[in-house]
């Protein structure tokens, strides 16, 4: 069960927001002035995009702690579920886990391959991906998430490297916010740029 929102409503359906998110993923505690300089967008546009990313749980803000005179700046960072945590993302993860548990009770199937904490991470991840316009196919045994066809491969093909980096960062953030043993291990290489399979890693598999 998901919110059922069209993909166009996702915060990352707009490439300017993807670009801003990529910048704060690359280096946290960015100011509006820094993001304006990096994107050449109007300050008000950058603020609007940041607020949308905050509302969807992908970015958090904090007021700068100053020891000198002057107005404190607002600093923006990408959520990672560990050092930069979003209450929105945590709330989404809890709601996804509740819906997932309900579905597993109502529609019982084979015994899950994963423990409860990992299942709840998958619940949160799948819902976030669906809202972003993907149709994820999860293999619990192989710990893969297939996102083929990529919802953004055609419309934003020239930005593939940035898009992939941002999406992997979001996936890791969602998994961390859901608090379980799974993490993103990387993206499987493919000769077809439209093919996207993400490999997950269980804590028990780490060396």
Protein backbone atom coordinates (compact mmCIF):
# COMPACT_ATOMS: atom_id res chain seq x y z
CA UNK A 1 0.00 0.00 0.00
CA UNK A 2 1.35 3.42 -0.93
CA UNK A 3 0.13 6.99 -1.11
CA UNK A 4 -0.68 6.54 -4.77
CA UNK A 5 0.69 9.95 -5.71
CA UNK A 6 1.63 10.41 -9.39
CA UNK A 7 5.38 10.36 -10.02
CA UNK A 8 5.24 14.01 -11.11
CA UNK A 9 4.50 14.97 -7.53
CA UNK A 10 7.75 13.51 -6.25
CA UNK A 11 10.34 15.98 -5.00
CA UNK A 12 12.90 14.41 -7.32
CA UNK A 13 10.74 14.62 -10.44
CA UNK A 14 12.29 18.04 -11.08
CA UNK A 15 15.95 18.03 -12.16
CA UNK A 16 16.74 21.34 -10.43
CA UNK A 17 15.78 19.70 -7.13
CA UNK A 18 17.86 16.65 -8.05
CA UNK A 19 20.83 18.93 -8.70
CA UNK A 20 20.38 20.70 -5.36
CA UNK A 21 20.04 17.37 -3.57
CA UNK A 22 23.19 16.12 -5.26
CA UNK A 23 25.09 19.18 -4.04
CA UNK A 24 24.02 18.75 -0.40
CA UNK A 25 24.66 15.00 -0.58
CA UNK A 26 28.17 15.75 -1.83
CA UNK A 27 28.84 18.30 0.90
CA UNK A 28 26.48 18.99 3.80
CA UNK A 29 25.76 22.28 5.55
CA UNK A 30 25.34 24.31 2.38
CA UNK A 31 23.90 27.81 2.39
CA UNK A 32 21.35 29.18 -0.05
CA UNK A 33 24.05 31.49 -1.43
CA UNK A 34 26.32 28.52 -2.18
CA UNK A 35 23.52 26.64 -3.92
CA UNK A 36 22.56 29.72 -5.95
CA UNK A 37 26.17 30.05 -7.09
CA UNK A 38 26.39 26.36 -8.02
CA UNK A 39 23.07 26.16 -9.89
CA UNK A 40 22.61 29.71 -11.25
CA UNK A 41 19.01 29.58 -10.00
CA UNK A 42 17.25 32.54 -8.38
CA UNK A 43 17.54 32.54 -4.56
CA UNK A 44 13.78 32.31 -4.14
CA UNK A 45 13.67 29.35 -6.51
CA UNK A 46 16.41 27.59 -4.55
CA UNK A 47 14.52 28.22 -1.30
CA UNK A 48 11.32 26.79 -2.80
CA UNK A 49 13.14 23.69 -4.01
CA UNK A 50 14.81 23.22 -0.63
CA UNK A 51 11.49 23.47 1.16
CA UNK A 52 10.00 20.83 -1.12
CA UNK A 53 12.96 18.53 -0.41
CA UNK A 54 12.53 19.14 3.32
CA UNK A 55 8.80 18.42 3.11
CA UNK A 56 9.52 15.06 1.45
CA UNK A 57 12.20 14.14 4.00
CA UNK A 58 15.25 14.35 1.74
CA UNK A 59 16.86 17.46 3.24
CA UNK A 60 17.14 18.92 6.74
CA UNK A 61 18.07 22.42 7.83
CA UNK A 62 19.70 23.87 10.91
CA UNK A 63 20.65 27.34 12.04
CA UNK A 64 24.35 28.05 12.09
CA UNK A 65 25.94 28.33 15.53
CA UNK A 66 27.97 31.54 15.45
CA UNK A 67 30.55 32.82 17.91
CA UNK A 68 30.89 36.16 16.12
CA UNK A 69 28.47 39.00 15.45
CA UNK A 70 26.11 38.72 12.53
CA UNK A 71 22.93 36.95 11.54
CA UNK A 72 23.26 33.14 11.68
CA UNK A 73 22.88 31.42 8.33
CA UNK A 74 20.59 28.47 7.63
CA UNK A 75 22.57 25.37 6.64
CA UNK A 76 21.12 22.60 4.50
CA UNK A 77 22.19 18.94 4.44
CA UNK A 78 20.89 15.79 2.78
CA UNK A 79 19.29 13.34 5.16
CA UNK A 80 21.31 10.19 5.73
CA UNK A 81 19.30 8.62 8.54
CA UNK A 82 22.33 8.69 10.83
CA UNK A 83 23.87 12.12 11.40
CA UNK A 84 21.26 14.10 9.49
CA UNK A 85 17.85 12.73 10.38
CA UNK A 86 14.48 13.88 9.08
CA UNK A 87 11.34 13.41 11.20
CA UNK A 88 9.41 13.22 7.93
CA UNK A 89 11.50 10.30 6.70
CA UNK A 90 11.22 8.50 10.05
CA UNK A 91 7.44 8.98 10.04
CA UNK A 92 7.21 7.61 6.51
CA UNK A 93 9.30 4.58 7.49
CA UNK A 94 7.07 3.79 10.49
CA UNK A 95 3.91 4.14 8.39
CA UNK A 96 5.34 1.92 5.64
CA UNK A 97 6.25 -0.76 8.19
CA UNK A 98 2.71 -0.72 9.60
CA UNK A 99 1.21 -1.06 6.13
CA UNK A 100 3.66 -3.82 5.27
CA UNK A 101 2.83 -5.78 8.43
CA UNK A 102 -0.87 -5.43 7.68
CA UNK A 103 -0.44 -6.71 4.12
CA UNK A 104 1.60 -9.70 5.31
CA UNK A 105 -1.14 -10.60 7.80
CA UNK A 106 -3.98 -10.17 5.31
CA UNK A 107 -2.17 -11.80 2.38
CA UNK A 108 0.08 -14.43 3.91
CA UNK A 109 2.45 -16.14 1.53
CA UNK A 110 5.75 -17.94 1.75
CA UNK A 111 7.88 -17.46 4.84
CA UNK A 112 9.84 -14.22 4.34
CA UNK A 113 13.53 -14.55 3.55
CA UNK A 114 14.34 -11.55 5.75
CA UNK A 115 14.00 -10.76 9.44
CA UNK A 116 11.38 -8.26 10.59
CA UNK A 117 13.73 -5.27 10.79
CA UNK A 118 14.95 -5.89 7.24
CA UNK A 119 11.38 -6.36 5.98
CA UNK A 120 10.46 -2.99 7.47
CA UNK A 121 13.41 -1.41 5.65
CA UNK A 122 12.19 -2.93 2.39
CA UNK A 123 8.67 -1.62 3.10
CA UNK A 124 10.01 1.92 3.47
CA UNK A 125 12.28 1.62 0.45
CA UNK A 126 9.59 0.29 -1.87
CA UNK A 127 7.11 3.01 -0.91
CA UNK A 128 9.69 5.74 -1.45
CA UNK A 129 10.66 4.33 -4.84
CA UNK A 130 7.05 4.03 -5.95
CA UNK A 131 6.43 7.66 -5.00
CA UNK A 132 9.49 8.61 -7.08
CA UNK A 133 7.95 6.97 -10.13
CA UNK A 134 9.69 3.58 -10.06
CA UNK A 135 8.15 0.12 -10.19
CA UNK A 136 10.63 -1.73 -7.94
CA UNK A 137 11.01 -5.50 -8.02
CA UNK A 138 12.66 -6.83 -4.86
CA UNK A 139 14.40 -10.20 -4.65
CA UNK A 140 14.70 -10.92 -0.94
CA UNK A 141 16.97 -13.93 -1.46
CA UNK A 142 19.45 -12.14 -3.74
CA UNK A 143 18.95 -8.80 -1.96
CA UNK A 144 18.46 -6.93 -5.21
CA UNK A 145 16.09 -4.15 -6.19
CA UNK A 146 15.39 -3.97 -9.91
CA UNK A 147 14.32 -0.55 -11.10
CA UNK A 148 14.10 -1.38 -14.79
CA UNK A 149 12.79 0.43 -16.70
CA UNK A 150 14.20 3.49 -14.96
CA UNK A 151 11.54 6.16 -14.63
CA UNK A 152 14.10 8.85 -15.47
CA UNK A 153 16.32 7.10 -18.06
CA UNK A 154 14.70 8.69 -21.09
CA UNK A 155 13.57 12.11 -19.88
CA UNK A 156 16.85 12.94 -18.13
CA UNK A 157 19.34 10.66 -19.89
CA UNK A 158 22.02 13.35 -20.08
CA UNK A 159 22.06 13.53 -16.28
CA UNK A 160 22.30 9.78 -15.66
CA UNK A 161 25.41 9.90 -13.45
CA UNK A 162 23.97 12.56 -11.14
CA UNK A 163 20.55 10.88 -11.04
CA UNK A 164 22.01 7.48 -10.15
CA UNK A 165 24.15 9.01 -7.41
CA UNK A 166 21.21 10.90 -5.93
CA UNK A 167 18.89 7.88 -6.06
CA UNK A 168 21.45 5.62 -4.37
CA UNK A 169 21.95 8.24 -1.68
CA UNK A 170 18.21 8.48 -1.09
CA UNK A 171 17.89 4.69 -0.92
CA UNK A 172 20.63 4.48 1.70
CA UNK A 173 19.03 7.28 3.68
CA UNK A 174 15.63 5.55 3.64
CA UNK A 175 17.18 2.24 4.75
CA UNK A 176 19.08 3.95 7.57
CA UNK A 177 16.00 5.84 8.73
CA UNK A 178 14.07 2.56 8.90
CA UNK A 179 16.81 1.25 11.21
CA UNK A 180 17.69 -2.30 10.21
CA UNK A 181 20.50 -4.52 8.93
CA UNK A 182 20.28 -3.63 5.23
CA UNK A 183 22.39 -1.09 3.38
CA UNK A 184 23.04 -0.17 -0.25
CA UNK A 185 26.04 -2.04 -1.61
CA UNK A 186 26.00 -0.43 -5.05
CA UNK A 187 24.54 -0.65 -8.51
CA UNK A 188 25.17 -3.65 -10.74
CA UNK A 189 26.97 -2.72 -13.94
CA UNK A 190 25.12 -3.23 -17.20
CA UNK A 191 25.79 -2.60 -20.87
CA UNK A 192 22.24 -1.29 -21.17
CA UNK A 193 22.00 2.22 -19.65
CA UNK A 194 18.28 1.73 -19.16
CA UNK A 195 18.82 -1.27 -16.88
CA UNK A 196 19.11 -0.55 -13.19
CA UNK A 197 19.60 -3.19 -10.50
CA UNK A 198 20.67 -2.11 -7.02
CA UNK A 199 22.48 -4.56 -4.77
CA UNK A 200 21.73 -4.49 -1.06
CA UNK A 201 23.90 -5.88 1.72
CA UNK A 202 22.81 -7.49 4.99
CA UNK A 203 24.90 -6.73 8.07
CA UNK A 204 25.55 -10.44 8.50
CA UNK A 205 27.33 -10.48 5.12
CA UNK A 206 29.84 -7.79 5.97
CA UNK A 207 33.42 -8.98 6.43
